[in-house]
Amino acid sequence: MAKPCNQARRLQAIPRSALAGRLHNAWKLWEEIKEQGYPRGYASVRDYVSRTLRGKPQPVGPRPPSARAVTRWILTHPDALSESDRIQLKAALANCPELTALAEHVRSFGHMLTHLHGDLLPDWIEAASATTELPSLRHFAQQLLRDLDAVTAGLTLPWNSGVVEGHVNKIKMLKRQMFGRAGFELLRKRVLRLF
């Protein structure tokens, strides 16, 4: 017999809609077993249940979307979502008010980021810090306050260090590729050849 901890893990892995269907079927089977007068012994009930359920498909509801899919839907601009993704996101947001609040905050931050409206950042931080049901978002907003001037400049000015970071990333990749195989002169030649 499996340990209770393992059984609990297996039950947690089953989607709630499928679990509800299985529990409903199990209750109906228990009623049938009681009507037929089976003894309370575990083996006889287990044998009856396994014979009855063998080969019958169990009703399963639609599979809930993964966390990765919901994250992608929230982070994608609403105009760029396909119609099916938009419908699924709407259904996911309807079932979870915390997720709806998070999506609103993420969209407003994305608007600030893409349209360079850093002047709206203090209002966004205040609204995000006021959310009690989203502690991670509140913590993120409070951390932005630690370096507010730099974050505001990053959200306002058209300049960024993306090109420099890209070059640094290429140089690090070259260095990793050549690890232990050549000296500085070959690395220098490969870097100069890149640029």
Protein backbone atom coordinates (compact mmCIF):
# COMPACT_ATOMS: atom_id res chain seq x y z
CA MET A 1 0.00 0.00 0.00
CA ALA A 2 1.31 3.47 -0.90
CA LYS A 3 2.25 5.86 1.88
CA PRO A 4 -0.27 8.64 2.59
CA CYS A 5 2.26 11.28 1.54
CA ASN A 6 2.66 9.68 -1.91
CA GLN A 7 -1.11 9.41 -2.28
CA ALA A 8 -1.50 13.10 -1.46
CA ARG A 9 1.12 14.00 -4.08
CA ARG A 10 -0.70 11.95 -6.70
CA LEU A 11 -4.01 13.64 -5.82
CA GLN A 12 -2.39 17.09 -6.08
CA ALA A 13 -1.14 16.25 -9.59
CA ILE A 14 -4.70 15.56 -10.81
CA PRO A 15 -6.55 18.64 -12.16
CA ARG A 16 -9.45 19.65 -9.92
CA SER A 17 -12.08 19.14 -12.62
CA ALA A 18 -10.86 15.59 -13.24
CA LEU A 19 -10.67 14.92 -9.51
CA ALA A 20 -14.25 16.10 -9.04
CA GLY A 21 -15.39 13.73 -11.78
CA ARG A 22 -13.50 10.83 -10.22
CA LEU A 23 -14.89 11.53 -6.76
CA HIS A 24 -18.42 11.67 -8.16
CA ASN A 25 -17.90 8.31 -9.89
CA ALA A 26 -16.34 6.86 -6.73
CA TRP A 27 -19.36 7.92 -4.69
CA LYS A 28 -21.73 6.28 -7.18
CA LEU A 29 -19.66 3.09 -7.04
CA TRP A 30 -19.71 3.14 -3.24
CA GLU A 31 -23.51 3.41 -3.31
CA GLU A 32 -23.69 0.41 -5.68
CA ILE A 33 -21.34 -1.58 -3.45
CA LYS A 34 -23.44 -0.87 -0.36
CA GLU A 35 -26.64 -1.87 -2.18
CA GLN A 36 -25.15 -5.22 -3.16
CA GLY A 37 -24.20 -5.93 0.45
CA TYR A 38 -20.44 -6.32 0.05
CA PRO A 39 -18.54 -6.71 3.30
CA ARG A 40 -16.45 -3.80 4.53
CA GLY A 41 -13.21 -5.58 3.65
CA TYR A 42 -10.74 -3.54 1.56
CA ALA A 43 -9.82 -6.36 -0.87
CA SER A 44 -13.38 -7.18 -2.00
CA VAL A 45 -14.30 -3.53 -2.53
CA ARG A 46 -11.02 -2.87 -4.35
CA ASP A 47 -11.61 -5.83 -6.66
CA TYR A 48 -15.17 -4.72 -7.45
CA VAL A 49 -14.10 -1.15 -8.17
CA SER A 50 -11.21 -2.22 -10.40
CA ARG A 51 -13.48 -4.62 -12.36
CA THR A 52 -16.16 -1.95 -12.78
CA LEU A 53 -13.85 0.89 -13.82
CA ARG A 54 -11.54 -1.12 -16.08
CA GLY A 55 -11.84 0.08 -19.66
CA LYS A 56 -14.35 2.88 -19.03
CA PRO A 57 -13.16 6.37 -19.93
CA GLN A 58 -13.52 8.86 -17.12
CA PRO A 59 -15.05 12.26 -17.86
CA VAL A 60 -12.36 14.94 -17.87
CA GLY A 61 -12.94 18.67 -18.18
CA PRO A 62 -10.77 21.01 -20.21
CA ARG A 63 -7.17 21.18 -19.09
CA PRO A 64 -6.30 24.45 -17.36
CA PRO A 65 -3.65 26.58 -19.06
CA SER A 66 -0.09 26.35 -17.80
CA ALA A 67 1.48 29.16 -15.80
CA ARG A 68 3.90 29.75 -18.66
CA ALA A 69 1.04 30.21 -21.15
CA VAL A 70 -0.83 32.64 -18.89
CA THR A 71 2.40 34.60 -18.33
CA ARG A 72 2.96 34.84 -22.07
CA TRP A 73 -0.61 36.03 -22.62
CA ILE A 74 -0.28 38.74 -19.96
CA LEU A 75 3.11 39.94 -21.20
CA THR A 76 2.05 40.06 -24.87
CA HIS A 77 0.49 43.26 -26.14
CA PRO A 78 -3.30 42.71 -26.38
CA ASP A 79 -3.34 43.58 -30.09
CA ALA A 80 -0.71 40.92 -30.79
CA LEU A 81 -2.67 38.07 -29.14
CA SER A 82 -4.51 35.60 -31.33
CA GLU A 83 -8.26 35.28 -30.88
CA SER A 84 -8.01 31.91 -29.12
CA ASP A 85 -5.31 33.21 -26.75
CA ARG A 86 -7.44 36.28 -26.00
CA ILE A 87 -10.43 34.08 -25.14
CA GLN A 88 -8.36 31.79 -22.93
CA LEU A 89 -6.79 34.77 -21.13
CA LYS A 90 -10.24 36.25 -20.54
CA ALA A 91 -11.41 32.95 -19.04
CA ALA A 92 -8.32 32.70 -16.83
CA LEU A 93 -8.74 36.29 -15.61
CA ALA A 94 -12.45 35.70 -14.90
CA ASN A 95 -11.57 32.84 -12.54
CA CYS A 96 -8.92 34.71 -10.54
CA PRO A 97 -9.29 38.32 -9.33
CA GLU A 98 -5.64 38.45 -8.18
CA LEU A 99 -4.53 37.53 -11.69
CA THR A 100 -6.75 40.28 -13.12
CA ALA A 101 -5.15 42.86 -10.82
CA LEU A 102 -1.68 41.60 -11.74
CA ALA A 103 -2.46 41.81 -15.46
CA GLU A 104 -3.61 45.42 -15.08
CA HIS A 105 -0.39 46.38 -13.26
CA VAL A 106 1.78 44.57 -15.81
CA ARG A 107 -0.01 46.20 -18.75
CA SER A 108 0.32 49.69 -17.25
CA PHE A 109 4.04 49.10 -16.57
CA GLY A 110 4.48 47.84 -20.14
CA HIS A 111 2.78 50.98 -21.44
CA MET A 112 5.22 53.12 -19.41
CA LEU A 113 8.14 51.10 -20.74
CA THR A 114 7.22 51.16 -24.43
CA HIS A 115 5.99 54.77 -24.58
CA LEU A 116 8.75 56.22 -22.33
CA HIS A 117 6.39 57.63 -19.69
CA GLY A 118 8.73 57.51 -16.70
CA ASP A 119 6.84 60.42 -15.13
CA LEU A 120 3.99 57.95 -14.35
CA LEU A 121 6.29 55.66 -12.34
CA PRO A 122 5.62 57.13 -8.84
CA ASP A 123 1.87 56.68 -9.33
CA TRP A 124 2.40 53.11 -10.55
CA ILE A 125 4.63 52.30 -7.57
CA GLU A 126 2.03 53.71 -5.19
CA ALA A 127 -0.76 51.64 -6.79
CA ALA A 128 1.37 48.47 -6.86
CA SER A 129 2.49 48.96 -3.24
CA ALA A 130 -1.14 49.23 -2.15
CA THR A 131 -1.99 45.70 -3.38
CA THR A 132 -2.18 43.37 -0.41
CA GLU A 133 -3.10 40.26 -2.42
CA LEU A 134 0.07 40.46 -4.57
CA PRO A 135 3.06 40.48 -2.20
CA SER A 136 5.63 39.84 -4.96
CA LEU A 137 4.42 42.82 -6.98
CA ARG A 138 4.39 44.98 -3.86
CA HIS A 139 7.99 43.93 -3.10
CA PHE A 140 9.06 44.69 -6.70
CA ALA A 141 7.48 48.15 -6.53
CA GLN A 142 9.17 48.89 -3.21
CA GLN A 143 12.55 47.83 -4.63
CA LEU A 144 12.10 50.28 -7.51
CA LEU A 145 11.99 53.06 -4.91
CA ARG A 146 15.56 52.26 -3.86
CA ASP A 147 16.91 53.65 -7.15
CA LEU A 148 14.00 55.73 -8.35
CA ASP A 149 16.08 58.28 -10.29
CA ALA A 150 17.82 55.64 -12.40
CA VAL A 151 14.60 53.71 -13.09
CA THR A 152 12.77 56.92 -14.02
CA ALA A 153 15.60 57.88 -16.38
CA GLY A 154 15.50 54.41 -17.94
CA LEU A 155 11.76 54.73 -18.52
CA THR A 156 11.99 58.29 -19.85
CA LEU A 157 15.16 58.71 -21.91
CA PRO A 158 15.53 57.16 -25.38
CA TRP A 159 19.08 55.95 -24.70
CA ASN A 160 19.94 52.54 -23.34
CA SER A 161 22.94 50.28 -22.94
CA GLY A 162 21.46 47.38 -24.91
CA VAL A 163 24.06 47.53 -27.68
CA VAL A 164 26.96 47.54 -25.21
CA GLU A 165 25.43 44.64 -23.27
CA GLY A 166 25.04 42.73 -26.53
CA HIS A 167 28.73 43.16 -27.34
CA VAL A 168 29.72 42.09 -23.82
CA ASN A 169 27.52 39.00 -24.23
CA LYS A 170 29.24 38.10 -27.54
CA ILE A 171 32.70 38.47 -26.00
CA LYS A 172 31.73 36.25 -23.05
CA MET A 173 30.36 33.65 -25.47
CA LEU A 174 33.65 33.64 -27.40
CA LYS A 175 35.61 33.28 -24.18
CA ARG A 176 33.44 30.31 -23.12
CA GLN A 177 33.86 28.66 -26.52
CA MET A 178 37.64 28.91 -26.29
CA PHE A 179 37.97 27.89 -22.65
CA GLY A 180 41.35 26.22 -22.14
CA ARG A 181 42.13 25.98 -25.87
CA ALA A 182 44.01 29.16 -26.74
CA GLY A 183 45.57 32.25 -25.28
CA PHE A 184 44.73 35.91 -25.24
CA GLU A 185 46.07 36.57 -28.78
CA LEU A 186 43.53 34.26 -30.44
CA LEU A 187 40.72 35.69 -28.30
CA ARG A 188 41.82 39.21 -29.32
CA LYS A 189 41.76 38.28 -33.02
CA ARG A 190 38.30 36.71 -32.76
CA VAL A 191 36.90 39.75 -30.91
CA LEU A 192 38.36 42.15 -33.48
CA ARG A 193 36.91 40.02 -36.25
CA LEU A 194 33.42 40.33 -34.71
CA PHE A 195 33.42 44.09 -34.76
